[in-house]
Amino acid sequence: LTALTAKGFTYEAEDALWFKSTEFGDEK
């Protein structure tokens, strides 16, 4: 999780931590 965050692919929203999977073709 630290590695993902360091690369800028996570963010906080709605009191949860999210993965930016849409940047890799996921629907959300």
mmCIF file of all heavy atoms, coordinates in Angstrom:
data_MODEL
# 
_entry.id   MODEL 
# 
loop_
_atom_site.group_PDB 
_atom_site.id 
_atom_site.type_symbol 
_atom_site.label_atom_id 
_atom_site.label_alt_id 
_atom_site.label_comp_id 
_atom_site.label_asym_id 
_atom_site.label_entity_id 
_atom_site.label_seq_id 
_atom_site.pdbx_PDB_ins_code 
_atom_site.Cartn_x 
_atom_site.Cartn_y 
_atom_site.Cartn_z 
_atom_site.occupancy 
_atom_site.B_iso_or_equiv 
_atom_site.pdbx_formal_charge 
_atom_site.auth_seq_id 
_atom_site.auth_comp_id 
_atom_site.auth_asym_id 
_atom_site.auth_atom_id 
_atom_site.pdbx_PDB_model_num 
ATOM 1   N N   . LEU A 1 1  ? 0.830   -1.201 0.000   1.00 0.00 ? 1  LEU A N   1 
ATOM 2   C CA  . LEU A 1 1  ? 0.000   0.000  0.000   1.00 0.00 ? 1  LEU A CA  1 
ATOM 3   C C   . LEU A 1 1  ? 0.869   1.258  0.000   1.00 0.00 ? 1  LEU A C   1 
ATOM 4   O O   . LEU A 1 1  ? 0.586   2.236  -0.713  1.00 0.00 ? 1  LEU A O   1 
ATOM 5   C CB  . LEU A 1 1  ? -0.917  -0.006 1.219   1.00 0.00 ? 1  LEU A CB  1 
ATOM 6   C CG  . LEU A 1 1  ? -1.980  1.097  1.283   1.00 0.00 ? 1  LEU A CG  1 
ATOM 7   C CD1 . LEU A 1 1  ? -2.824  1.121  0.019   1.00 0.00 ? 1  LEU A CD1 1 
ATOM 8   C CD2 . LEU A 1 1  ? -2.850  0.915  2.515   1.00 0.00 ? 1  LEU A CD2 1 
ATOM 9   N N   . THR A 1 2  ? 1.948   1.242  0.752   1.00 0.00 ? 2  THR A N   1 
ATOM 10  C CA  . THR A 1 2  ? 2.879   2.372  0.773   1.00 0.00 ? 2  THR A CA  1 
ATOM 11  C C   . THR A 1 2  ? 3.486   2.601  -0.607  1.00 0.00 ? 2  THR A C   1 
ATOM 12  O O   . THR A 1 2  ? 3.618   3.742  -1.072  1.00 0.00 ? 2  THR A O   1 
ATOM 13  C CB  . THR A 1 2  ? 4.000   2.114  1.800   1.00 0.00 ? 2  THR A CB  1 
ATOM 14  O OG1 . THR A 1 2  ? 3.429   1.992  3.104   1.00 0.00 ? 2  THR A OG1 1 
ATOM 15  C CG2 . THR A 1 2  ? 5.012   3.252  1.787   1.00 0.00 ? 2  THR A CG2 1 
ATOM 16  N N   . ALA A 1 3  ? 3.840   1.491  -1.276  1.00 0.00 ? 3  ALA A N   1 
ATOM 17  C CA  . ALA A 1 3  ? 4.427   1.603  -2.614  1.00 0.00 ? 3  ALA A CA  1 
ATOM 18  C C   . ALA A 1 3  ? 3.433   2.189  -3.606  1.00 0.00 ? 3  ALA A C   1 
ATOM 19  O O   . ALA A 1 3  ? 3.785   3.055  -4.431  1.00 0.00 ? 3  ALA A O   1 
ATOM 20  C CB  . ALA A 1 3  ? 4.894   0.228  -3.086  1.00 0.00 ? 3  ALA A CB  1 
ATOM 21  N N   . LEU A 1 4  ? 2.167   1.755  -3.534  1.00 0.00 ? 4  LEU A N   1 
ATOM 22  C CA  . LEU A 1 4  ? 1.140   2.295  -4.431  1.00 0.00 ? 4  LEU A CA  1 
ATOM 23  C C   . LEU A 1 4  ? 0.933   3.787  -4.185  1.00 0.00 ? 4  LEU A C   1 
ATOM 24  O O   . LEU A 1 4  ? 0.795   4.582  -5.121  1.00 0.00 ? 4  LEU A O   1 
ATOM 25  C CB  . LEU A 1 4  ? -0.180  1.551  -4.214  1.00 0.00 ? 4  LEU A CB  1 
ATOM 26  C CG  . LEU A 1 4  ? -0.506  0.355  -5.098  1.00 0.00 ? 4  LEU A CG  1 
ATOM 27  C CD1 . LEU A 1 4  ? -1.859  -0.227 -4.697  1.00 0.00 ? 4  LEU A CD1 1 
ATOM 28  C CD2 . LEU A 1 4  ? -0.501  0.716  -6.572  1.00 0.00 ? 4  LEU A CD2 1 
ATOM 29  N N   . THR A 1 5  ? 0.900   4.144  -2.910  1.00 0.00 ? 5  THR A N   1 
ATOM 30  C CA  . THR A 1 5  ? 0.673   5.548  -2.557  1.00 0.00 ? 5  THR A CA  1 
ATOM 31  C C   . THR A 1 5  ? 1.844   6.419  -3.001  1.00 0.00 ? 5  THR A C   1 
ATOM 32  O O   . THR A 1 5  ? 1.664   7.533  -3.526  1.00 0.00 ? 5  THR A O   1 
ATOM 33  C CB  . THR A 1 5  ? 0.468   5.679  -1.038  1.00 0.00 ? 5  THR A CB  1 
ATOM 34  O OG1 . THR A 1 5  ? -0.668  4.883  -0.648  1.00 0.00 ? 5  THR A OG1 1 
ATOM 35  C CG2 . THR A 1 5  ? 0.225   7.128  -0.645  1.00 0.00 ? 5  THR A CG2 1 
ATOM 36  N N   . ALA A 1 6  ? 3.052   5.915  -2.825  1.00 0.00 ? 6  ALA A N   1 
ATOM 37  C CA  . ALA A 1 6  ? 4.245   6.669  -3.224  1.00 0.00 ? 6  ALA A CA  1 
ATOM 38  C C   . ALA A 1 6  ? 4.276   6.932  -4.718  1.00 0.00 ? 6  ALA A C   1 
ATOM 39  O O   . ALA A 1 6  ? 4.818   7.954  -5.176  1.00 0.00 ? 6  ALA A O   1 
ATOM 40  C CB  . ALA A 1 6  ? 5.501   5.917  -2.794  1.00 0.00 ? 6  ALA A CB  1 
ATOM 41  N N   . LYS A 1 7  ? 3.678   6.044  -5.498  1.00 0.00 ? 7  LYS A N   1 
ATOM 42  C CA  . LYS A 1 7  ? 3.652   6.215  -6.940  1.00 0.00 ? 7  LYS A CA  1 
ATOM 43  C C   . LYS A 1 7  ? 2.471   7.076  -7.398  1.00 0.00 ? 7  LYS A C   1 
ATOM 44  O O   . LYS A 1 7  ? 2.284   7.292  -8.602  1.00 0.00 ? 7  LYS A O   1 
ATOM 45  C CB  . LYS A 1 7  ? 3.613   4.833  -7.621  1.00 0.00 ? 7  LYS A CB  1 
ATOM 46  C CG  . LYS A 1 7  ? 4.898   4.045  -7.457  1.00 0.00 ? 7  LYS A CG  1 
ATOM 47  C CD  . LYS A 1 7  ? 4.762   2.651  -8.077  1.00 0.00 ? 7  LYS A CD  1 
ATOM 48  C CE  . LYS A 1 7  ? 6.050   1.850  -7.910  1.00 0.00 ? 7  LYS A CE  1 
ATOM 49  N NZ  . LYS A 1 7  ? 7.150   2.407  -8.732  1.00 0.00 ? 7  LYS A NZ  1 
ATOM 50  N N   . GLY A 1 8  ? 1.656   7.517  -6.439  1.00 0.00 ? 8  GLY A N   1 
ATOM 51  C CA  . GLY A 1 8  ? 0.568   8.435  -6.761  1.00 0.00 ? 8  GLY A CA  1 
ATOM 52  C C   . GLY A 1 8  ? -0.689  7.766  -7.277  1.00 0.00 ? 8  GLY A C   1 
ATOM 53  O O   . GLY A 1 8  ? -1.505  8.432  -7.938  1.00 0.00 ? 8  GLY A O   1 
ATOM 54  N N   . PHE A 1 9  ? -0.902  6.507  -6.952  1.00 0.00 ? 9  PHE A N   1 
ATOM 55  C CA  . PHE A 1 9  ? -2.065  5.798  -7.500  1.00 0.00 ? 9  PHE A CA  1 
ATOM 56  C C   . PHE A 1 9  ? -3.148  5.527  -6.469  1.00 0.00 ? 9  PHE A C   1 
ATOM 57  O O   . PHE A 1 9  ? -4.014  4.676  -6.684  1.00 0.00 ? 9  PHE A O   1 
ATOM 58  C CB  . PHE A 1 9  ? -1.622  4.478  -8.147  1.00 0.00 ? 9  PHE A CB  1 
ATOM 59  C CG  . PHE A 1 9  ? -0.793  4.666  -9.384  1.00 0.00 ? 9  PHE A CG  1 
ATOM 60  C CD1 . PHE A 1 9  ? 0.532   4.284  -9.415  1.00 0.00 ? 9  PHE A CD1 1 
ATOM 61  C CD2 . PHE A 1 9  ? -1.338  5.256  -10.515 1.00 0.00 ? 9  PHE A CD2 1 
ATOM 62  C CE1 . PHE A 1 9  ? 1.306   4.462  -10.552 1.00 0.00 ? 9  PHE A CE1 1 
ATOM 63  C CE2 . PHE A 1 9  ? -0.589  5.443  -11.652 1.00 0.00 ? 9  PHE A CE2 1 
ATOM 64  C CZ  . PHE A 1 9  ? 0.747   5.051  -11.675 1.00 0.00 ? 9  PHE A CZ  1 
ATOM 65  N N   . THR A 1 10 ? -3.107  6.224  -5.330  1.00 0.00 ? 10 THR A N   1 
ATOM 66  C CA  . THR A 1 10 ? -4.182  6.111  -4.350  1.00 0.00 ? 10 THR A CA  1 
ATOM 67  C C   . THR A 1 10 ? -4.656  7.506  -3.958  1.00 0.00 ? 10 THR A C   1 
ATOM 68  O O   . THR A 1 10 ? -3.950  8.501  -4.149  1.00 0.00 ? 10 THR A O   1 
ATOM 69  C CB  . THR A 1 10 ? -3.712  5.367  -3.084  1.00 0.00 ? 10 THR A CB  1 
ATOM 70  O OG1 . THR A 1 10 ? -2.700  6.131  -2.424  1.00 0.00 ? 10 THR A OG1 1 
ATOM 71  C CG2 . THR A 1 10 ? -3.171  3.990  -3.426  1.00 0.00 ? 10 THR A CG2 1 
ATOM 72  N N   . TYR A 1 11 ? -5.854  7.574  -3.398  1.00 0.00 ? 11 TYR A N   1 
ATOM 73  C CA  . TYR A 1 11 ? -6.373  8.850  -2.891  1.00 0.00 ? 11 TYR A CA  1 
ATOM 74  C C   . TYR A 1 11 ? -7.430  8.581  -1.828  1.00 0.00 ? 11 TYR A C   1 
ATOM 75  O O   . TYR A 1 11 ? -8.016  7.491  -1.777  1.00 0.00 ? 11 TYR A O   1 
ATOM 76  C CB  . TYR A 1 11 ? -6.952  9.711  -4.012  1.00 0.00 ? 11 TYR A CB  1 
ATOM 77  C CG  . TYR A 1 11 ? -8.169  9.120  -4.707  1.00 0.00 ? 11 TYR A CG  1 
ATOM 78  C CD1 . TYR A 1 11 ? -9.465  9.420  -4.270  1.00 0.00 ? 11 TYR A CD1 1 
ATOM 79  C CD2 . TYR A 1 11 ? -8.020  8.274  -5.810  1.00 0.00 ? 11 TYR A CD2 1 
ATOM 80  C CE1 . TYR A 1 11 ? -10.580 8.885  -4.912  1.00 0.00 ? 11 TYR A CE1 1 
ATOM 81  C CE2 . TYR A 1 11 ? -9.115  7.741  -6.456  1.00 0.00 ? 11 TYR A CE2 1 
ATOM 82  C CZ  . TYR A 1 11 ? -10.392 8.047  -6.009  1.00 0.00 ? 11 TYR A CZ  1 
ATOM 83  O OH  . TYR A 1 11 ? -11.480 7.512  -6.635  1.00 0.00 ? 11 TYR A OH  1 
ATOM 84  N N   . GLU A 1 12 ? -7.654  9.568  -0.961  1.00 0.00 ? 12 GLU A N   1 
ATOM 85  C CA  . GLU A 1 12 ? -8.654  9.469  0.098   1.00 0.00 ? 12 GLU A CA  1 
ATOM 86  C C   . GLU A 1 12 ? -9.957  10.104 -0.378  1.00 0.00 ? 12 GLU A C   1 
ATOM 87  O O   . GLU A 1 12 ? -9.965  11.190 -0.964  1.00 0.00 ? 12 GLU A O   1 
ATOM 88  C CB  . GLU A 1 12 ? -8.175  10.199 1.354   1.00 0.00 ? 12 GLU A CB  1 
ATOM 89  C CG  . GLU A 1 12 ? -6.913  9.616  1.985   1.00 0.00 ? 12 GLU A CG  1 
ATOM 90  C CD  . GLU A 1 12 ? -7.209  8.515  2.985   1.00 0.00 ? 12 GLU A CD  1 
ATOM 91  O OE1 . GLU A 1 12 ? -8.416  8.223  3.198   1.00 0.00 ? 12 GLU A OE1 1 
ATOM 92  O OE2 . GLU A 1 12 ? -6.256  7.941  3.536   1.00 0.00 ? 12 GLU A OE2 1 
ATOM 93  N N   . ALA A 1 13 ? -11.055 9.426  -0.095  1.00 0.00 ? 13 ALA A N   1 
ATOM 94  C CA  . ALA A 1 13 ? -12.382 9.959  -0.402  1.00 0.00 ? 13 ALA A CA  1 
ATOM 95  C C   . ALA A 1 13 ? -13.417 9.173  0.385   1.00 0.00 ? 13 ALA A C   1 
ATOM 96  O O   . ALA A 1 13 ? -13.301 7.939  0.516   1.00 0.00 ? 13 ALA A O   1 
ATOM 97  C CB  . ALA A 1 13 ? -12.685 9.882  -1.899  1.00 0.00 ? 13 ALA A CB  1 
ATOM 98  N N   . GLU A 1 14 ? -14.415 9.871  0.921   1.00 0.00 ? 14 GLU A N   1 
ATOM 99  C CA  . GLU A 1 14 ? -15.502 9.230  1.656   1.00 0.00 ? 14 GLU A CA  1 
ATOM 100 C C   . GLU A 1 14 ? -14.967 8.360  2.798   1.00 0.00 ? 14 GLU A C   1 
ATOM 101 O O   . GLU A 1 14 ? -15.459 7.263  3.042   1.00 0.00 ? 14 GLU A O   1 
ATOM 102 C CB  . GLU A 1 14 ? -16.368 8.384  0.702   1.00 0.00 ? 14 GLU A CB  1 
ATOM 103 C CG  . GLU A 1 14 ? -16.957 9.174  -0.441  1.00 0.00 ? 14 GLU A CG  1 
ATOM 104 C CD  . GLU A 1 14 ? -17.675 8.289  -1.441  1.00 0.00 ? 14 GLU A CD  1 
ATOM 105 O OE1 . GLU A 1 14 ? -18.012 7.142  -1.092  1.00 0.00 ? 14 GLU A OE1 1 
ATOM 106 O OE2 . GLU A 1 14 ? -17.888 8.739  -2.576  1.00 0.00 ? 14 GLU A OE2 1 
ATOM 107 N N   . ASP A 1 15 ? -13.931 8.863  3.474   1.00 0.00 ? 15 ASP A N   1 
ATOM 108 C CA  . ASP A 1 15 ? -13.306 8.173  4.611   1.00 0.00 ? 15 ASP A CA  1 
ATOM 109 C C   . ASP A 1 15 ? -12.705 6.820  4.224   1.00 0.00 ? 15 ASP A C   1 
ATOM 110 O O   . ASP A 1 15 ? -12.515 5.945  5.086   1.00 0.00 ? 15 ASP A O   1 
ATOM 111 C CB  . ASP A 1 15 ? -14.329 7.955  5.747   1.00 0.00 ? 15 ASP A CB  1 
ATOM 112 C CG  . ASP A 1 15 ? -14.792 9.265  6.348   1.00 0.00 ? 15 ASP A CG  1 
ATOM 113 O OD1 . ASP A 1 15 ? -13.974 10.206 6.416   1.00 0.00 ? 15 ASP A OD1 1 
ATOM 114 O OD2 . ASP A 1 15 ? -15.973 9.341  6.732   1.00 0.00 ? 15 ASP A OD2 1 
ATOM 115 N N   . ALA A 1 16 ? -12.434 6.623  2.944   1.00 0.00 ? 16 ALA A N   1 
ATOM 116 C CA  . ALA A 1 16 ? -11.835 5.376  2.475   1.00 0.00 ? 16 ALA A CA  1 
ATOM 117 C C   . ALA A 1 16 ? -10.624 5.697  1.597   1.00 0.00 ? 16 ALA A C   1 
ATOM 118 O O   . ALA A 1 16 ? -10.453 6.828  1.130   1.00 0.00 ? 16 ALA A O   1 
ATOM 119 C CB  . ALA A 1 16 ? -12.840 4.558  1.684   1.00 0.00 ? 16 ALA A CB  1 
ATOM 120 N N   . LEU A 1 17 ? -9.790  4.693  1.398   1.00 0.00 ? 17 LEU A N   1 
ATOM 121 C CA  . LEU A 1 17 ? -8.626  4.836  0.518   1.00 0.00 ? 17 LEU A CA  1 
ATOM 122 C C   . LEU A 1 17 ? -8.914  4.108  -0.786  1.00 0.00 ? 17 LEU A C   1 
ATOM 123 O O   . LEU A 1 17 ? -9.300  2.925  -0.777  1.00 0.00 ? 17 LEU A O   1 
ATOM 124 C CB  . LEU A 1 17 ? -7.372  4.248  1.183   1.00 0.00 ? 17 LEU A CB  1 
ATOM 125 C CG  . LEU A 1 17 ? -6.065  4.455  0.407   1.00 0.00 ? 17 LEU A CG  1 
ATOM 126 C CD1 . LEU A 1 17 ? -5.676  5.936  0.413   1.00 0.00 ? 17 LEU A CD1 1 
ATOM 127 C CD2 . LEU A 1 17 ? -4.942  3.614  1.002   1.00 0.00 ? 17 LEU A CD2 1 
ATOM 128 N N   . TRP A 1 18 ? -8.698  4.792  -1.909  1.00 0.00 ? 18 TRP A N   1 
ATOM 129 C CA  . TRP A 1 18 ? -9.075  4.270  -3.218  1.00 0.00 ? 18 TRP A CA  1 
ATOM 130 C C   . TRP A 1 18 ? -7.851  4.058  -4.099  1.00 0.00 ? 18 TRP A C   1 
ATOM 131 O O   . TRP A 1 18 ? -6.843  4.763  -3.985  1.00 0.00 ? 18 TRP A O   1 
ATOM 132 C CB  . TRP A 1 18 ? -10.010 5.254  -3.923  1.00 0.00 ? 18 TRP A CB  1 
ATOM 133 C CG  . TRP A 1 18 ? -11.306 5.479  -3.223  1.00 0.00 ? 18 TRP A CG  1 
ATOM 134 C CD1 . TRP A 1 18 ? -11.509 6.156  -2.045  1.00 0.00 ? 18 TRP A CD1 1 
ATOM 135 C CD2 . TRP A 1 18 ? -12.602 5.039  -3.647  1.00 0.00 ? 18 TRP A CD2 1 
ATOM 136 N NE1 . TRP A 1 18 ? -12.837 6.167  -1.715  1.00 0.00 ? 18 TRP A NE1 1 
ATOM 137 C CE2 . TRP A 1 18 ? -13.540 5.488  -2.677  1.00 0.00 ? 18 TRP A CE2 1 
ATOM 138 C CE3 . TRP A 1 18 ? -13.069 4.333  -4.748  1.00 0.00 ? 18 TRP A CE3 1 
ATOM 139 C CZ2 . TRP A 1 18 ? -14.891 5.237  -2.790  1.00 0.00 ? 18 TRP A CZ2 1 
ATOM 140 C CZ3 . TRP A 1 18 ? -14.422 4.090  -4.862  1.00 0.00 ? 18 TRP A CZ3 1 
ATOM 141 C CH2 . TRP A 1 18 ? -15.322 4.528  -3.888  1.00 0.00 ? 18 TRP A CH2 1 
ATOM 142 N N   . PHE A 1 19 ? -7.969  3.084  -5.003  1.00 0.00 ? 19 PHE A N   1 
ATOM 143 C CA  . PHE A 1 19 ? -6.955  2.839  -6.033  1.00 0.00 ? 19 PHE A CA  1 
ATOM 144 C C   . PHE A 1 19 ? -7.455  3.428  -7.347  1.00 0.00 ? 19 PHE A C   1 
ATOM 145 O O   . PHE A 1 19 ? -8.601  3.203  -7.745  1.00 0.00 ? 19 PHE A O   1 
ATOM 146 C CB  . PHE A 1 19 ? -6.703  1.335  -6.182  1.00 0.00 ? 19 PHE A CB  1 
ATOM 147 C CG  . PHE A 1 19 ? -5.883  0.944  -7.391  1.00 0.00 ? 19 PHE A CG  1 
ATOM 148 C CD1 . PHE A 1 19 ? -4.684  1.590  -7.670  1.00 0.00 ? 19 PHE A CD1 1 
ATOM 149 C CD2 . PHE A 1 19 ? -6.310  -0.074 -8.246  1.00 0.00 ? 19 PHE A CD2 1 
ATOM 150 C CE1 . PHE A 1 19 ? -3.927  1.241  -8.778  1.00 0.00 ? 19 PHE A CE1 1 
ATOM 151 C CE2 . PHE A 1 19 ? -5.556  -0.441 -9.344  1.00 0.00 ? 19 PHE A CE2 1 
ATOM 152 C CZ  . PHE A 1 19 ? -4.368  0.219  -9.620  1.00 0.00 ? 19 PHE A CZ  1 
ATOM 153 N N   . LYS A 1 20 ? -6.592  4.171  -8.040  1.00 0.00 ? 20 LYS A N   1 
ATOM 154 C CA  . LYS A 1 20 ? -6.967  4.807  -9.306  1.00 0.00 ? 20 LYS A CA  1 
ATOM 155 C C   . LYS A 1 20 ? -6.961  3.786  -10.450 1.00 0.00 ? 20 LYS A C   1 
ATOM 156 O O   . LYS A 1 20 ? -6.222  3.902  -11.421 1.00 0.00 ? 20 LYS A O   1 
ATOM 157 C CB  . LYS A 1 20 ? -6.001  5.946  -9.622  1.00 0.00 ? 20 LYS A CB  1 
ATOM 158 C CG  . LYS A 1 20 ? -5.988  7.061  -8.591  1.00 0.00 ? 20 LYS A CG  1 
ATOM 159 C CD  . LYS A 1 20 ? -4.956  8.136  -8.953  1.00 0.00 ? 20 LYS A CD  1 
ATOM 160 C CE  . LYS A 1 20 ? -4.907  9.255  -7.930  1.00 0.00 ? 20 LYS A CE  1 
ATOM 161 N NZ  . LYS A 1 20 ? -3.874  10.266 -8.274  1.00 0.00 ? 20 LYS A NZ  1 
ATOM 162 N N   . SER A 1 21 ? -7.826  2.814  -10.346 1.00 0.00 ? 21 SER A N   1 
ATOM 163 C CA  . SER A 1 21 ? -7.821  1.733  -11.345 1.00 0.00 ? 21 SER A CA  1 
ATOM 164 C C   . SER A 1 21 ? -8.359  2.179  -12.695 1.00 0.00 ? 21 SER A C   1 
ATOM 165 O O   . SER A 1 21 ? -8.086  1.545  -13.724 1.00 0.00 ? 21 SER A O   1 
ATOM 166 C CB  . SER A 1 21 ? -8.630  0.539  -10.830 1.00 0.00 ? 21 SER A CB  1 
ATOM 167 O OG  . SER A 1 21 ? -9.932  0.929  -10.455 1.00 0.00 ? 21 SER A OG  1 
ATOM 168 N N   . THR A 1 22 ? -9.120  3.305  -12.736 1.00 0.00 ? 22 THR A N   1 
ATOM 169 C CA  . THR A 1 22 ? -9.619  3.788  -14.022 1.00 0.00 ? 22 THR A CA  1 
ATOM 170 C C   . THR A 1 22 ? -8.476  4.257  -14.922 1.00 0.00 ? 22 THR A C   1 
ATOM 171 O O   . THR A 1 22 ? -8.623  4.300  -16.145 1.00 0.00 ? 22 THR A O   1 
ATOM 172 C CB  . THR A 1 22 ? -10.607 4.950  -13.824 1.00 0.00 ? 22 THR A CB  1 
ATOM 173 O OG1 . THR A 1 22 ? -10.012 5.937  -12.963 1.00 0.00 ? 22 THR A OG1 1 
ATOM 174 C CG2 . THR A 1 22 ? -11.901 4.464  -13.200 1.00 0.00 ? 22 THR A CG2 1 
ATOM 175 N N   . GLU A 1 23 ? -7.340  4.603  -14.329 1.00 0.00 ? 23 GLU A N   1 
ATOM 176 C CA  . GLU A 1 23 ? -6.191  5.006  -15.141 1.00 0.00 ? 23 GLU A CA  1 
ATOM 177 C C   . GLU A 1 23 ? -5.598  3.832  -15.911 1.00 0.00 ? 23 GLU A C   1 
ATOM 178 O O   . GLU A 1 23 ? -4.758  4.022  -16.790 1.00 0.00 ? 23 GLU A O   1 
ATOM 179 C CB  . GLU A 1 23 ? -5.117  5.643  -14.249 1.00 0.00 ? 23 GLU A CB  1 
ATOM 180 C CG  . GLU A 1 23 ? -5.540  6.966  -13.635 1.00 0.00 ? 23 GLU A CG  1 
ATOM 181 C CD  . GLU A 1 23 ? -4.386  7.700  -12.974 1.00 0.00 ? 23 GLU A CD  1 
ATOM 182 O OE1 . GLU A 1 23 ? -3.210  7.308  -13.213 1.00 0.00 ? 23 GLU A OE1 1 
ATOM 183 O OE2 . GLU A 1 23 ? -4.653  8.650  -12.221 1.00 0.00 ? 23 GLU A OE2 1 
ATOM 184 N N   . PHE A 1 24 ? -6.067  2.633  -15.579 1.00 0.00 ? 24 PHE A N   1 
ATOM 185 C CA  . PHE A 1 24 ? -5.545  1.426  -16.236 1.00 0.00 ? 24 PHE A CA  1 
ATOM 186 C C   . PHE A 1 24 ? -6.654  0.642  -16.935 1.00 0.00 ? 24 PHE A C   1 
ATOM 187 O O   . PHE A 1 24 ? -6.532  -0.556 -17.166 1.00 0.00 ? 24 PHE A O   1 
ATOM 188 C CB  . PHE A 1 24 ? -4.843  0.540  -15.203 1.00 0.00 ? 24 PHE A CB  1 
ATOM 189 C CG  . PHE A 1 24 ? -3.709  1.228  -14.494 1.00 0.00 ? 24 PHE A CG  1 
ATOM 190 C CD1 . PHE A 1 24 ? -3.919  1.849  -13.269 1.00 0.00 ? 24 PHE A CD1 1 
ATOM 191 C CD2 . PHE A 1 24 ? -2.450  1.294  -15.076 1.00 0.00 ? 24 PHE A CD2 1 
ATOM 192 C CE1 . PHE A 1 24 ? -2.890  2.504  -12.623 1.00 0.00 ? 24 PHE A CE1 1 
ATOM 193 C CE2 . PHE A 1 24 ? -1.410  1.948  -14.425 1.00 0.00 ? 24 PHE A CE2 1 
ATOM 194 C CZ  . PHE A 1 24 ? -1.627  2.557  -13.200 1.00 0.00 ? 24 PHE A CZ  1 
ATOM 195 N N   . GLY A 1 25 ? -7.740  1.328  -17.257 1.00 0.00 ? 25 GLY A N   1 
ATOM 196 C CA  . GLY A 1 25 ? -8.787  0.709  -18.059 1.00 0.00 ? 25 GLY A CA  1 
ATOM 197 C C   . GLY A 1 25 ? -9.950  0.125  -17.294 1.00 0.00 ? 25 GLY A C   1 
ATOM 198 O O   . GLY A 1 25 ? -10.881 -0.409 -17.905 1.00 0.00 ? 25 GLY A O   1 
ATOM 199 N N   . ASP A 1 26 ? -9.943  0.191  -15.953 1.00 0.00 ? 26 ASP A N   1 
ATOM 200 C CA  . ASP A 1 26 ? -11.063 -0.327 -15.178 1.00 0.00 ? 26 ASP A CA  1 
ATOM 201 C C   . ASP A 1 26 ? -12.248 0.624  -15.307 1.00 0.00 ? 26 ASP A C   1 
ATOM 202 O O   . ASP A 1 26 ? -12.080 1.823  -15.575 1.00 0.00 ? 26 ASP A O   1 
ATOM 203 C CB  . ASP A 1 26 ? -10.642 -0.483 -13.714 1.00 0.00 ? 26 ASP A CB  1 
ATOM 204 C CG  . ASP A 1 26 ? -11.565 -1.405 -12.926 1.00 0.00 ? 26 ASP A CG  1 
ATOM 205 O OD1 . ASP A 1 26 ? -12.498 -1.969 -13.539 1.00 0.00 ? 26 ASP A OD1 1 
ATOM 206 O OD2 . ASP A 1 26 ? -11.349 -1.565 -11.707 1.00 0.00 ? 26 ASP A OD2 1 
ATOM 207 N N   . GLU A 1 27 ? -13.448 0.115  -15.086 1.00 0.00 ? 27 GLU A N   1 
ATOM 208 C CA  . GLU A 1 27 ? -14.645 0.931  -15.267 1.00 0.00 ? 27 GLU A CA  1 
ATOM 209 C C   . GLU A 1 27 ? -14.829 1.961  -14.157 1.00 0.00 ? 27 GLU A C   1 
ATOM 210 O O   . GLU A 1 27 ? -15.513 2.981  -14.337 1.00 0.00 ? 27 GLU A O   1 
ATOM 211 C CB  . GLU A 1 27 ? -15.883 0.035  -15.353 1.00 0.00 ? 27 GLU A CB  1 
ATOM 212 C CG  . GLU A 1 27 ? -16.103 -0.839 -14.128 1.00 0.00 ? 27 GLU A CG  1 
ATOM 213 C CD  . GLU A 1 27 ? -17.261 -1.805 -14.315 1.00 0.00 ? 27 GLU A CD  1 
ATOM 214 O OE1 . GLU A 1 27 ? -17.894 -1.771 -15.391 1.00 0.00 ? 27 GLU A OE1 1 
ATOM 215 O OE2 . GLU A 1 27 ? -17.525 -2.590 -13.385 1.00 0.00 ? 27 GLU A OE2 1 
ATOM 216 N N   . LYS A 1 28 ? -14.259 1.724  -12.999 1.00 0.00 ? 28 LYS A N   1 
ATOM 217 C CA  . LYS A 1 28 ? -14.320 2.687  -11.902 1.00 0.00 ? 28 LYS A CA  1 
ATOM 218 C C   . LYS A 1 28 ? -13.170 2.431  -10.933 1.00 0.00 ? 28 LYS A C   1 
ATOM 219 O O   . LYS A 1 28 ? -12.565 1.350  -10.935 1.00 0.00 ? 28 LYS A O   1 
ATOM 220 C CB  . LYS A 1 28 ? -15.659 2.608  -11.176 1.00 0.00 ? 28 LYS A CB  1 
ATOM 221 C CG  . LYS A 1 28 ? -15.916 1.272  -10.487 1.00 0.00 ? 28 LYS A CG  1 
ATOM 222 C CD  . LYS A 1 28 ? -17.274 1.278  -9.810  1.00 0.00 ? 28 LYS A CD  1 
ATOM 223 C CE  . LYS A 1 28 ? -17.544 -0.048 -9.098  1.00 0.00 ? 28 LYS A CE  1 
ATOM 224 N NZ  . LYS A 1 28 ? -18.849 -0.039 -8.394  1.00 0.00 ? 28 LYS A NZ  1 
# 
